[in-house]
Amino acid sequence: MGGSAMRSGNGRLEVASISGVQAGKGSLGIMESLPDTPETSRSVIPGRPRGQVRQETTTCFFRGYKYTRAWAFSRKIAYPCSHWRQGCSGTMAFFTSTMGYTVGRLHTCRNVDASVASLTDVMGAMKDRVDVLDIEQVAVPARVIWNGVRDEFYGANNEHVVRGLSELQVLRRVYQARNRHFSGEIHGALEIPPPPPPLSTALNESVSFFQFHHVTANRENLNRPTRLIGWAHPSLINLLRYHETTIFIDGTFRCVPRSYKQCVIIMVHDRASGLYVPVYYVLSTSRSGDSFWDIMHFIVQGTDQQLEPAEVVCDFESALIQAVQTQFPNAIIIGCLFHLKQALRRAMKRFAIPVEECAIAMSRGVVDMLTVVSPSLIERCIKWVKHEIRQRCTESGTSYSKVKWRGFWGYFQRTWLDHYDVSEWNVAGLNNELVDRTNNPLERFNRELNNRFPKPRPSKATFVGVIKSLSAEYVQRLADIPRGRARRPPRELIQLPVPVELPEDISDESEDEEPAAEE
C-alpha cells in the first residue's frame, strides 16, 4: 500500500493518491467513506468565488468536537481539534489499516474518551431539518435554531464521526429561507400563513389571530408614516360585542419591538367569569392623536361596529382621551387613579420635596382626598390638603418645605385643573364597584406581559408568539370557569378615603410672597 503527498505552488498540501485499497472486498476505502467531490483529495478547499459559502468538506464532528483535516500520509489522515490555535492538543486520525477513525491525544478544552467510529454524512439530513425549523418556528432566532441542530447532530452522545453543516451555513440557510418565503420583509412573517404553526393564526387553532395592518400618513412627520398592526383572538373579540361593557385602554413600552413606540392593549371586564381579559394588542409607531383615533376605529370595525362601552378606563393622555371621546361619545371616561398618584409622586420628586413629606402627602386621606370630594369643592379641598400636610409635618417633627410645595401646587393647577377636566380623575358620585374595577387590572396585566419577555425590546416574531400564547390561555380560562374547572377570581377592593367635611374658612398659609420652586 503506497501513496504520496506533495506541496503545491501556493504552499497547500496536496494528496496525490492513496492506493492499495480495493473497493468491494468487504472493507470501506477512504475514497468511499468521503463524498465523491473534487475536494476529497485535498487537505484544504481551493480558492472560491467571492461571497460563496465555504463547503466545510475538510471538517468533521465527533462528540461535540469539531476537527479540521490538516495533513495526509499513506497510512493516515490527521485531524487536529479546530481550537488548536487556542492551545488544544486534541487530535483524531483516520487509519487505512483499520478503515476507521481513532481519537489520539485528549482535548485540553475538555476531556473525551478515545473511540473508534465511522464517518457519517449528515449534511442532507441537517438541511432538511433546518428547512423545517426556519419556517415552522419563525419566532425563534436563527442562532437558537443552530444550537438545537448542533446538539441534535453533533451532540456528545453521538458515537459517530459526522460531517455536516457549519454554523455559518445554518444561519445563512435560515435567513435565506425566511426571506424567500416571506418576501424579504418581517411583516410578511406576521401575515403570510406558512405551514403550521404560523404567526398569523391562533395557537392550536385554524382561526386568524392577525386582525389588521395599516400604514397611514403621519402629519407630524411626513417622512415617517404611521404603522399600526393589530392582533386579537376571535373568541375574545366576541366579548367586546356585549352591550355596556367596561373596557380598559393602556399603552406599554418595555415589551415593544424596535422601531415601534408603544403597544396599545384593549382589555374588557367579562361579567360572567369576573375576568379582566386582554383582547387587542396593537403595535404603533406613533403616539399622536391620529394614531389613537385610527386604533379605536379599526377595533370598532373589527367588532362590526357593535362596540358600545358604558365606561372606558384609560391613561391620562390627552390624545388618547380625545380619541376615546370621539369614538364613544356616550361612554363615561375615567382616568386610572393609580396613574394619577404615580404622576403626582413623580412631580413631587421633580420639585425635590423630601421623602418624608412625600410619604405624608401620599398617605391615605391626604392628596387622594381630591379624588372623592365633589368637583365643585376642589378649590376648597386643595386648601384643606395643604393645611393637612403642614399639620402632619408639624406633628411628626418634619420641616415643611413651603417653597417647594408652592411649586408643586402650581403644577397641579396647570395640569390637573386647567389641562384635564376634573371629571376625568375625580370619582365622586360613581359606583364603588366601578371605581374598584378601574384601578386594579391595568398595571397587573402590564407586569404579567413584561415578565413573559426575557429582555426588553424583543423581535416582532417573539412579541407575536408571546401575545398569542397569552390569548390562548385566556380563552382556556374563560372556558374553565363556567365548567367548574377553575374558580371565579375574587374581586379586589380599593380603599378610597371617606370625604371629609370641608369648612368654608380654611386658611392657606402657603399663599405668601415667597417665590415658588421651579421644576
Protein backbone atom coordinates (compact mmCIF):
# COMPACT_ATOMS: atom_id res chain seq x y z
CA MET A 1 0.00 0.00 0.00
CA GLY A 2 1.55 3.23 -1.03
CA GLY A 3 0.76 6.85 -1.54
CA SER A 4 2.34 10.19 -1.98
CA ALA A 5 1.83 13.76 -0.85
CA MET A 6 3.30 16.93 -2.27
CA ARG A 7 3.06 20.66 -1.77
CA SER A 8 1.55 22.82 -4.48
CA GLY A 9 2.98 26.10 -5.60
CA ASN A 10 0.76 28.09 -3.27
CA GLY A 11 2.00 26.22 -0.21
CA ARG A 12 -1.03 23.97 0.23
CA LEU A 13 -0.60 20.30 0.94
CA GLU A 14 -1.89 18.20 -1.96
CA VAL A 15 -2.72 14.48 -1.52
CA ALA A 16 -1.84 12.84 -4.82
CA SER A 17 -3.31 9.37 -4.27
CA ILE A 18 -3.90 6.60 -1.82
CA SER A 19 -3.61 3.19 -3.43
CA GLY A 20 -3.72 -0.39 -2.34
CA VAL A 21 -7.28 -0.24 -1.04
CA GLN A 22 -9.60 -2.36 -3.14
CA ALA A 23 -13.26 -1.44 -3.16
CA GLY A 24 -15.87 -4.18 -2.94
CA LYS A 25 -13.81 -6.61 -0.77
CA GLY A 26 -15.74 -6.11 2.44
CA SER A 27 -13.74 -3.10 3.54
CA LEU A 28 -14.62 0.53 3.04
CA GLY A 29 -11.95 2.52 1.24
CA ILE A 30 -11.21 6.07 2.16
CA MET A 31 -12.48 7.39 -1.17
CA GLU A 32 -15.77 5.61 -0.49
CA SER A 33 -16.08 6.99 3.04
CA LEU A 34 -15.85 10.56 1.83
CA PRO A 35 -18.24 12.39 -0.53
CA ASP A 36 -17.33 11.98 -4.18
CA THR A 37 -16.30 15.60 -4.79
CA PRO A 38 -13.10 17.19 -6.08
CA GLU A 39 -12.32 18.43 -2.57
CA THR A 40 -11.96 14.91 -1.12
CA SER A 41 -8.42 14.59 -2.48
CA ARG A 42 -7.18 17.82 -0.93
CA SER A 43 -6.46 18.92 2.59
CA VAL A 44 -7.97 22.37 2.11
CA ILE A 45 -10.56 23.85 -0.20
CA PRO A 46 -9.17 25.68 -3.24
CA GLY A 47 -9.95 29.33 -3.82
CA ARG A 48 -13.66 30.03 -4.23
CA PRO A 49 -15.53 32.97 -5.79
CA ARG A 50 -16.12 35.95 -3.58
CA GLY A 51 -19.27 35.59 -1.45
CA GLN A 52 -19.55 31.80 -1.90
CA VAL A 53 -20.24 29.90 1.32
CA ARG A 54 -17.46 27.57 2.40
CA GLN A 55 -18.50 23.95 2.00
CA GLU A 56 -16.66 22.65 5.10
CA THR A 57 -15.63 19.36 3.42
CA THR A 58 -12.35 19.31 5.37
CA THR A 59 -14.07 19.27 8.75
CA CYS A 60 -15.97 16.69 10.75
CA PHE A 61 -17.54 16.42 14.20
CA PHE A 62 -17.31 13.81 16.93
CA ARG A 63 -18.97 14.02 20.35
CA GLY A 64 -19.40 17.75 20.12
CA TYR A 65 -15.85 18.49 18.91
CA LYS A 66 -15.00 19.96 15.55
CA TYR A 67 -11.92 18.57 13.77
CA THR A 68 -10.17 20.05 10.75
CA ARG A 69 -8.13 17.92 8.34
CA ALA A 70 -4.53 19.12 8.45
CA TRP A 71 -2.29 16.67 6.59
CA ALA A 72 -2.43 13.27 4.90
CA PHE A 73 0.03 10.40 4.61
CA SER A 74 -0.13 6.99 3.01
CA ARG A 75 -1.25 5.38 6.25
CA LYS A 76 -3.36 8.01 7.96
CA ILE A 77 -5.05 11.38 7.69
CA ALA A 78 -4.62 13.63 10.72
CA TYR A 79 -7.45 15.76 12.14
CA PRO A 80 -6.45 18.17 14.94
CA CYS A 81 -9.06 19.96 17.04
CA SER A 82 -10.32 23.13 15.38
CA HIS A 83 -9.27 25.00 18.54
CA TRP A 84 -5.61 24.10 18.11
CA ARG A 85 -4.73 27.77 17.73
CA GLN A 86 -6.03 28.31 21.27
CA GLY A 87 -3.74 25.56 22.53
CA CYS A 88 -5.98 22.49 22.43
CA SER A 89 -3.89 19.36 21.79
CA GLY A 90 -6.77 17.07 20.89
CA THR A 91 -6.35 15.03 17.69
CA MET A 92 -8.13 12.35 15.70
CA ALA A 93 -6.80 10.29 12.80
CA PHE A 94 -8.13 8.08 10.03
CA PHE A 95 -6.00 4.92 9.57
CA THR A 96 -6.11 3.00 6.32
CA SER A 97 -5.18 -0.20 8.12
CA THR A 98 -8.38 -0.26 10.18
CA MET A 99 -10.51 1.89 7.87
CA GLY A 100 -11.76 3.78 10.89
CA TYR A 101 -11.26 6.90 12.98
CA THR A 102 -9.39 6.88 16.27
CA VAL A 103 -9.13 9.68 18.82
CA GLY A 104 -5.49 10.37 19.63
CA ARG A 105 -4.40 12.96 22.16
CA LEU A 106 -7.03 14.14 24.60
CA HIS A 107 -8.51 17.59 24.35
CA THR A 108 -7.40 20.28 26.73
CA CYS A 109 -10.59 22.28 26.17
CA ARG A 110 -12.45 19.35 27.80
CA ASN A 111 -11.84 15.61 28.11
CA VAL A 112 -13.16 12.95 25.73
CA ASP A 113 -12.72 9.18 25.69
CA ALA A 114 -10.85 7.52 22.85
CA SER A 115 -13.12 5.69 20.47
CA VAL A 116 -13.26 4.18 17.02
CA ALA A 117 -16.09 5.25 14.73
CA SER A 118 -17.01 5.59 11.09
CA LEU A 119 -17.72 8.74 9.12
CA THR A 120 -21.39 9.63 8.65
CA ASP A 121 -22.53 12.32 6.24
CA VAL A 122 -25.47 14.18 7.82
CA MET A 123 -25.40 17.22 5.56
CA GLY A 124 -28.62 16.31 3.75
CA ALA A 125 -30.45 15.49 6.97
CA MET A 126 -29.30 18.76 8.52
CA LYS A 127 -30.53 20.75 5.53
CA ASP A 128 -33.94 19.11 5.73
CA ARG A 129 -34.14 19.74 9.47
CA VAL A 130 -33.15 23.40 9.14
CA ASP A 131 -35.62 23.95 6.30
CA VAL A 132 -38.44 22.71 8.51
CA LEU A 133 -37.46 24.69 11.61
CA ASP A 134 -36.83 28.05 9.95
CA ILE A 135 -40.46 28.28 8.75
CA GLU A 136 -42.30 26.36 11.47
CA GLN A 137 -40.52 28.28 14.24
CA VAL A 138 -40.35 31.71 12.65
CA ALA A 139 -40.37 33.34 16.10
CA VAL A 140 -37.17 31.52 17.07
CA PRO A 141 -33.89 33.36 16.32
CA ALA A 142 -31.58 31.76 13.78
CA ARG A 143 -28.84 31.18 16.34
CA VAL A 144 -31.23 29.26 18.58
CA ILE A 145 -32.07 27.02 15.62
CA TRP A 146 -28.35 26.43 15.11
CA ASN A 147 -27.93 25.48 18.78
CA GLY A 148 -30.72 22.93 18.53
CA VAL A 149 -29.48 21.42 15.27
CA ARG A 150 -25.92 21.32 16.57
CA ASP A 151 -26.95 19.44 19.71
CA GLU A 152 -29.08 17.05 17.66
CA PHE A 153 -26.42 16.09 15.10
CA TYR A 154 -23.12 16.98 16.81
CA GLY A 155 -24.01 16.19 20.41
CA ALA A 156 -21.70 14.46 22.86
CA ASN A 157 -23.87 11.32 22.79
CA ASN A 158 -23.28 10.77 19.07
CA GLU A 159 -20.95 7.78 18.67
CA HIS A 160 -20.16 8.51 15.02
CA VAL A 161 -17.81 10.91 13.32
CA VAL A 162 -20.15 13.12 11.32
CA ARG A 163 -19.78 15.69 8.59
CA GLY A 164 -22.49 18.30 8.14
CA LEU A 165 -23.26 22.00 8.01
CA SER A 166 -21.27 24.61 9.86
CA GLU A 167 -22.75 27.38 11.99
CA LEU A 168 -22.36 29.92 9.18
CA GLN A 169 -24.10 27.63 6.70
CA VAL A 170 -27.05 27.03 9.04
CA LEU A 171 -27.50 30.73 9.82
CA ARG A 172 -27.40 31.72 6.16
CA ARG A 173 -29.80 28.95 5.24
CA VAL A 174 -32.30 30.15 7.85
CA TYR A 175 -32.09 33.79 6.71
CA GLN A 176 -32.37 32.91 3.02
CA ALA A 177 -35.33 30.56 3.53
CA ARG A 178 -37.25 33.13 5.56
CA ASN A 179 -36.53 35.88 3.03
CA ARG A 180 -37.79 33.72 0.17
CA HIS A 181 -40.93 32.60 1.98
CA PHE A 182 -41.89 35.97 3.45
CA SER A 183 -40.83 38.15 0.51
CA GLY A 184 -37.86 39.57 2.39
CA GLU A 185 -39.93 41.58 4.93
CA ILE A 186 -40.55 40.82 8.59
CA HIS A 187 -44.20 41.90 8.30
CA GLY A 188 -44.74 39.01 5.91
CA ALA A 189 -43.90 36.63 8.73
CA LEU A 190 -46.74 38.19 10.70
CA GLU A 191 -49.34 37.95 7.92
CA ILE A 192 -48.46 35.16 5.46
CA PRO A 193 -49.60 31.77 6.76
CA PRO A 194 -46.74 29.27 6.31
CA PRO A 195 -47.07 25.59 7.22
CA PRO A 196 -48.43 25.38 10.78
CA PRO A 197 -47.93 26.81 13.31
CA PRO A 198 -47.78 30.30 11.68
CA LEU A 199 -47.79 33.64 13.46
CA SER A 200 -50.94 34.82 11.67
CA THR A 201 -53.22 32.17 13.17
CA ALA A 202 -54.19 31.47 16.77
CA LEU A 203 -52.34 28.93 18.87
CA ASN A 204 -53.51 25.37 18.10
CA GLU A 205 -56.50 26.72 16.15
CA SER A 206 -57.10 27.44 12.49
CA VAL A 207 -58.56 30.90 13.12
CA SER A 208 -56.94 34.20 12.31
CA PHE A 209 -55.06 35.85 15.16
CA PHE A 210 -53.78 38.64 12.91
CA GLN A 211 -56.51 41.28 12.50
CA PHE A 212 -55.22 44.36 10.67
CA HIS A 213 -52.13 46.09 9.32
CA HIS A 214 -52.50 49.71 8.20
CA VAL A 215 -49.98 52.33 7.16
CA THR A 216 -51.27 55.90 7.29
CA ALA A 217 -49.78 59.34 6.80
CA ASN A 218 -48.13 60.93 9.81
CA ARG A 219 -48.97 64.62 9.81
CA GLU A 220 -46.32 65.30 12.44
CA ASN A 221 -43.57 63.78 10.29
CA LEU A 222 -44.42 63.12 6.64
CA ASN A 223 -41.18 61.17 6.13
CA ARG A 224 -42.21 58.53 8.67
CA PRO A 225 -45.71 57.14 8.10
CA THR A 226 -47.61 55.61 10.98
CA ARG A 227 -47.77 51.81 11.01
CA LEU A 228 -50.43 50.00 13.03
CA ILE A 229 -50.54 46.21 13.43
CA GLY A 230 -53.28 44.58 15.49
CA TRP A 231 -53.81 41.05 16.82
CA ALA A 232 -56.73 39.51 18.69
CA HIS A 233 -58.26 36.09 19.19
CA PRO A 234 -61.73 35.86 17.56
CA SER A 235 -63.23 34.26 20.67
CA LEU A 236 -62.07 37.20 22.78
CA ILE A 237 -63.31 39.77 20.26
CA ASN A 238 -66.84 38.49 20.92
CA LEU A 239 -66.57 39.82 24.49
CA LEU A 240 -66.46 43.35 23.09
CA ARG A 241 -69.82 42.90 21.36
CA TYR A 242 -71.78 42.82 24.63
CA HIS A 243 -73.77 45.93 25.46
CA GLU A 244 -72.46 48.47 28.03
CA THR A 245 -69.21 46.76 28.89
CA THR A 246 -66.26 48.29 30.70
CA ILE A 247 -63.12 48.45 28.60
CA PHE A 248 -59.59 49.46 29.57
CA ILE A 249 -57.08 51.08 27.26
CA ASP A 250 -53.44 51.30 28.21
CA GLY A 251 -50.09 51.54 26.49
CA THR A 252 -46.92 49.71 27.43
CA PHE A 253 -43.40 50.35 26.22
CA ARG A 254 -40.94 47.84 27.69
CA CYS A 255 -42.03 44.87 25.57
CA VAL A 256 -42.37 46.83 22.32
CA PRO A 257 -40.17 45.71 19.38
CA ARG A 258 -37.68 48.15 17.96
CA SER A 259 -38.97 50.85 15.59
CA TYR A 260 -42.30 50.88 17.48
CA LYS A 261 -43.17 53.39 20.18
CA GLN A 262 -45.89 51.58 22.09
CA CYS A 263 -48.23 48.63 22.33
CA VAL A 264 -51.83 49.64 22.99
CA ILE A 265 -53.78 46.96 24.88
CA ILE A 266 -57.59 46.82 24.87
CA MET A 267 -58.95 44.94 27.89
CA VAL A 268 -62.56 44.14 28.78
CA HIS A 269 -64.23 43.10 32.02
CA ASP A 270 -66.21 39.90 31.48
CA ARG A 271 -69.09 39.93 33.97
CA ALA A 272 -69.85 36.23 33.54
CA SER A 273 -66.42 34.98 34.59
CA GLY A 274 -65.21 38.01 36.54
CA LEU A 275 -62.02 38.09 34.49
CA TYR A 276 -60.27 41.12 33.05
CA VAL A 277 -59.46 39.86 29.57
CA PRO A 278 -56.92 41.49 27.22
CA VAL A 279 -58.41 41.32 23.75
CA TYR A 280 -56.49 43.52 21.30
CA TYR A 281 -52.74 44.12 21.07
CA VAL A 282 -51.86 46.95 18.69
CA LEU A 283 -48.29 47.96 17.82
CA SER A 284 -47.94 51.60 16.81
CA THR A 285 -45.02 53.66 15.54
CA SER A 286 -46.65 56.88 16.74
CA ARG A 287 -48.35 58.31 19.82
CA SER A 288 -50.22 61.07 18.03
CA GLY A 289 -53.94 61.76 18.25
CA ASP A 290 -54.44 60.46 14.71
CA SER A 291 -52.86 57.11 15.58
CA PHE A 292 -55.09 56.68 18.64
CA TRP A 293 -58.15 57.57 16.55
CA ASP A 294 -57.16 55.02 13.90
CA ILE A 295 -56.61 52.33 16.53
CA MET A 296 -60.06 52.83 18.02
CA HIS A 297 -61.62 52.99 14.55
CA PHE A 298 -60.08 49.68 13.42
CA ILE A 299 -61.14 47.98 16.65
CA VAL A 300 -64.72 49.22 16.29
CA GLN A 301 -64.77 47.91 12.71
CA GLY A 302 -63.38 44.58 13.94
CA THR A 303 -66.47 44.16 16.13
CA ASP A 304 -68.81 45.03 13.24
CA GLN A 305 -69.48 48.38 14.93
CA GLN A 306 -71.04 46.64 17.93
CA LEU A 307 -68.58 48.03 20.48
CA GLU A 308 -70.62 50.36 22.73
CA PRO A 309 -68.97 50.51 26.17
CA ALA A 310 -70.57 52.14 29.19
CA GLU A 311 -67.23 53.08 30.76
CA VAL A 312 -63.78 53.49 29.30
CA VAL A 313 -60.79 53.49 31.63
CA CYS A 314 -57.59 54.88 30.16
CA ASP A 315 -54.36 56.63 30.98
CA PHE A 316 -54.14 60.40 31.39
CA GLU A 317 -53.03 61.11 27.83
CA SER A 318 -54.82 63.94 26.08
CA ALA A 319 -54.60 62.43 22.58
CA LEU A 320 -55.98 59.10 23.81
CA ILE A 321 -58.80 60.71 25.79
CA GLN A 322 -59.87 62.81 22.82
CA ALA A 323 -59.87 59.77 20.51
CA VAL A 324 -61.96 57.78 23.00
CA GLN A 325 -64.44 60.64 23.45
CA THR A 326 -64.82 60.90 19.66
CA GLN A 327 -65.43 57.18 19.14
CA PHE A 328 -67.60 56.64 22.25
CA PRO A 329 -69.44 59.90 22.97
CA ASN A 330 -71.92 58.23 25.36
CA ALA A 331 -69.32 56.44 27.48
CA ILE A 332 -68.00 57.63 30.84
CA ILE A 333 -64.28 58.38 30.55
CA ILE A 334 -62.42 57.54 33.75
CA GLY A 335 -58.74 58.05 34.39
CA CYS A 336 -56.82 55.43 36.31
CA LEU A 337 -56.33 56.58 39.92
CA PHE A 338 -53.14 54.57 40.13
CA HIS A 339 -51.68 56.58 37.25
CA LEU A 340 -52.81 59.82 38.92
CA LYS A 341 -50.97 59.04 42.14
CA GLN A 342 -47.97 57.91 40.12
CA ALA A 343 -47.87 61.23 38.26
CA LEU A 344 -48.22 63.24 41.49
CA ARG A 345 -45.39 61.30 43.13
CA ARG A 346 -43.10 61.93 40.16
CA ALA A 347 -43.95 65.63 40.28
CA MET A 348 -43.03 65.79 43.97
CA LYS A 349 -39.71 64.20 43.11
CA ARG A 350 -39.07 66.75 40.35
CA PHE A 351 -39.61 69.60 42.82
CA ALA A 352 -37.11 67.94 45.21
CA ILE A 353 -39.64 67.59 48.03
CA PRO A 354 -38.10 65.47 50.83
CA VAL A 355 -39.12 61.84 51.04
CA GLU A 356 -40.67 62.24 54.50
CA GLU A 357 -43.01 64.97 53.27
CA CYS A 358 -43.89 62.95 50.16
CA ALA A 359 -44.84 59.97 52.33
CA ILE A 360 -47.15 62.17 54.39
CA ALA A 361 -48.81 63.63 51.30
CA MET A 362 -49.26 60.25 49.59
CA SER A 363 -50.72 58.53 52.65
CA ARG A 364 -54.41 57.67 52.61
CA GLY A 365 -56.73 60.57 53.23
CA VAL A 366 -54.43 63.42 52.16
CA VAL A 367 -53.80 64.09 48.46
CA ASP A 368 -56.22 61.35 47.37
CA MET A 369 -59.00 63.28 49.14
CA LEU A 370 -59.15 65.39 45.97
CA THR A 371 -60.49 62.37 44.03
CA VAL A 372 -63.57 61.77 46.23
CA VAL A 373 -64.90 65.25 47.06
CA SER A 374 -67.44 66.95 44.86
CA PRO A 375 -65.87 68.64 41.82
CA SER A 376 -67.39 71.93 42.94
CA LEU A 377 -65.33 71.77 46.15
CA ILE A 378 -61.94 71.10 44.56
CA GLU A 379 -60.53 74.58 45.27
CA ARG A 380 -61.57 74.38 48.91
CA CYS A 381 -60.22 70.83 49.18
CA ILE A 382 -56.81 71.93 47.85
CA LYS A 383 -56.55 74.40 50.75
CA TRP A 384 -57.57 71.63 53.13
CA VAL A 385 -54.87 69.28 51.74
CA LYS A 386 -52.20 71.99 52.11
CA HIS A 387 -53.23 72.56 55.71
CA GLU A 388 -53.33 68.81 56.41
CA ILE A 389 -49.80 68.25 55.04
CA ARG A 390 -48.41 71.15 57.10
CA GLN A 391 -50.18 69.95 60.25
CA ARG A 392 -48.97 66.33 59.89
CA CYS A 393 -45.42 67.51 59.26
CA THR A 394 -45.55 69.53 62.49
CA GLU A 395 -46.91 66.58 64.46
CA SER A 396 -44.16 64.26 63.17
CA GLY A 397 -41.37 66.79 63.66
CA THR A 398 -40.71 67.13 59.92
CA SER A 399 -39.85 70.52 58.47
CA TYR A 400 -42.28 71.82 55.87
CA SER A 401 -40.72 72.88 52.51
CA LYS A 402 -43.02 75.80 51.74
CA VAL A 403 -41.25 76.99 48.56
CA LYS A 404 -41.13 73.51 47.03
CA TRP A 405 -44.77 72.82 47.83
CA ARG A 406 -45.81 76.08 46.21
CA GLY A 407 -44.12 74.93 43.01
CA PHE A 408 -45.91 71.57 43.22
CA TRP A 409 -49.35 73.16 43.63
CA GLY A 410 -48.65 75.40 40.68
CA TYR A 411 -48.01 72.26 38.62
CA PHE A 412 -51.25 70.73 39.94
CA GLN A 413 -53.22 73.78 38.87
CA ARG A 414 -51.74 73.86 35.36
CA THR A 415 -52.00 70.13 34.70
CA TRP A 416 -54.93 68.63 36.58
CA LEU A 417 -57.28 71.61 36.68
CA ASP A 418 -56.50 73.56 33.51
CA HIS A 419 -55.29 70.84 31.12
CA TYR A 420 -57.54 67.95 32.21
CA ASP A 421 -61.18 68.07 33.15
CA VAL A 422 -61.83 67.31 36.82
CA SER A 423 -64.36 64.63 35.87
CA GLU A 424 -61.58 62.56 34.28
CA TRP A 425 -59.83 61.90 37.61
CA ASN A 426 -62.49 62.64 40.23
CA VAL A 427 -64.67 59.63 41.16
CA ALA A 428 -67.16 61.37 43.44
CA GLY A 429 -70.66 60.03 42.86
CA LEU A 430 -69.54 56.98 40.88
CA ASN A 431 -70.44 53.42 41.80
CA ASN A 432 -67.88 51.93 44.20
CA GLU A 433 -67.79 48.70 42.20
CA LEU A 434 -66.92 50.66 39.07
CA VAL A 435 -64.14 52.51 40.90
CA ASP A 436 -62.71 49.17 42.08
CA ARG A 437 -62.64 47.90 38.50
CA THR A 438 -60.83 50.97 37.21
CA ASN A 439 -57.64 50.63 39.18
CA ASN A 440 -56.56 47.02 39.56
CA PRO A 441 -56.28 45.26 36.18
CA LEU A 442 -54.16 47.67 34.14
CA GLU A 443 -50.85 47.56 35.96
CA ARG A 444 -51.25 43.94 36.98
CA PHE A 445 -51.53 42.78 33.39
CA ASN A 446 -48.65 45.01 32.27
CA ARG A 447 -46.43 43.26 34.80
CA GLU A 448 -47.66 39.87 33.61
CA LEU A 449 -46.96 40.80 29.99
CA ASN A 450 -43.48 42.20 30.63
CA ASN A 451 -42.49 39.15 32.68
CA ARG A 452 -43.13 36.92 29.65
CA PHE A 453 -40.25 38.52 27.74
CA PRO A 454 -36.66 37.60 28.66
CA LYS A 455 -35.43 41.10 27.82
CA PRO A 456 -36.84 44.46 26.68
CA ARG A 457 -37.31 45.24 23.00
CA PRO A 458 -37.92 41.71 21.66
CA SER A 459 -38.20 40.88 17.98
CA LYS A 460 -41.58 41.14 16.27
CA ALA A 461 -41.80 37.38 15.91
CA THR A 462 -41.07 36.85 19.61
CA PHE A 463 -43.61 39.50 20.53
CA VAL A 464 -46.37 37.85 18.48
CA GLY A 465 -45.53 34.43 19.87
CA VAL A 466 -45.91 35.69 23.45
CA ILE A 467 -49.21 37.53 22.97
CA LYS A 468 -50.59 34.56 21.05
CA SER A 469 -49.83 32.28 23.99
CA LEU A 470 -51.42 34.76 26.40
CA SER A 471 -54.60 34.94 24.33
CA ALA A 472 -54.83 31.15 24.19
CA GLU A 473 -54.50 30.99 27.99
CA TYR A 474 -57.36 33.46 28.49
CA VAL A 475 -59.56 31.55 26.05
CA GLN A 476 -58.96 28.42 28.12
CA ARG A 477 -59.64 30.22 31.42
CA LEU A 478 -62.93 31.58 30.07
CA ALA A 479 -63.93 28.01 29.21
CA ASP A 480 -62.81 26.54 32.56
CA ILE A 481 -64.72 28.85 34.94
CA PRO A 482 -68.31 28.04 33.83
CA ARG A 483 -67.45 24.33 33.72
CA GLY A 484 -66.20 24.33 37.30
CA ARG A 485 -62.60 23.55 36.39
CA ALA A 486 -61.45 26.92 37.75
CA ARG A 487 -62.75 29.32 40.36
CA ARG A 488 -64.09 32.77 39.69
CA PRO A 489 -61.34 35.21 40.79
CA PRO A 490 -62.13 37.23 43.93
CA ARG A 491 -62.77 40.92 43.40
CA GLU A 492 -60.06 43.11 44.88
CA LEU A 493 -61.26 46.23 46.67
CA ILE A 494 -59.51 49.57 46.58
CA GLN A 495 -59.66 51.57 49.78
CA LEU A 496 -60.80 55.10 48.95
CA PRO A 497 -60.82 57.80 51.63
CA VAL A 498 -64.10 58.95 53.10
CA PRO A 499 -64.89 62.54 52.05
CA VAL A 500 -64.39 64.99 54.90
CA GLU A 501 -66.47 67.98 55.85
CA LEU A 502 -64.65 70.98 54.42
CA PRO A 503 -65.02 74.19 56.43
CA GLU A 504 -65.55 77.34 54.43
CA ASP A 505 -62.92 79.40 56.26
CA ILE A 506 -59.84 77.27 55.54
CA SER A 507 -56.70 79.38 55.62
CA ASP A 508 -53.96 78.79 53.03
CA GLU A 509 -50.64 79.52 54.77
CA SER A 510 -48.70 78.84 51.55
CA GLU A 511 -50.07 81.93 49.81
CA ASP A 512 -47.40 84.47 50.66
CA GLU A 513 -44.81 86.45 48.80
CA GLU A 514 -42.13 83.73 48.70
CA PRO A 515 -41.27 82.61 45.15
CA ALA A 516 -42.32 79.11 44.17
CA ALA A 517 -39.78 76.39 43.39
CA GLU A 518 -39.16 75.51 39.76
CA GLU A 519 -39.13 72.05 38.19
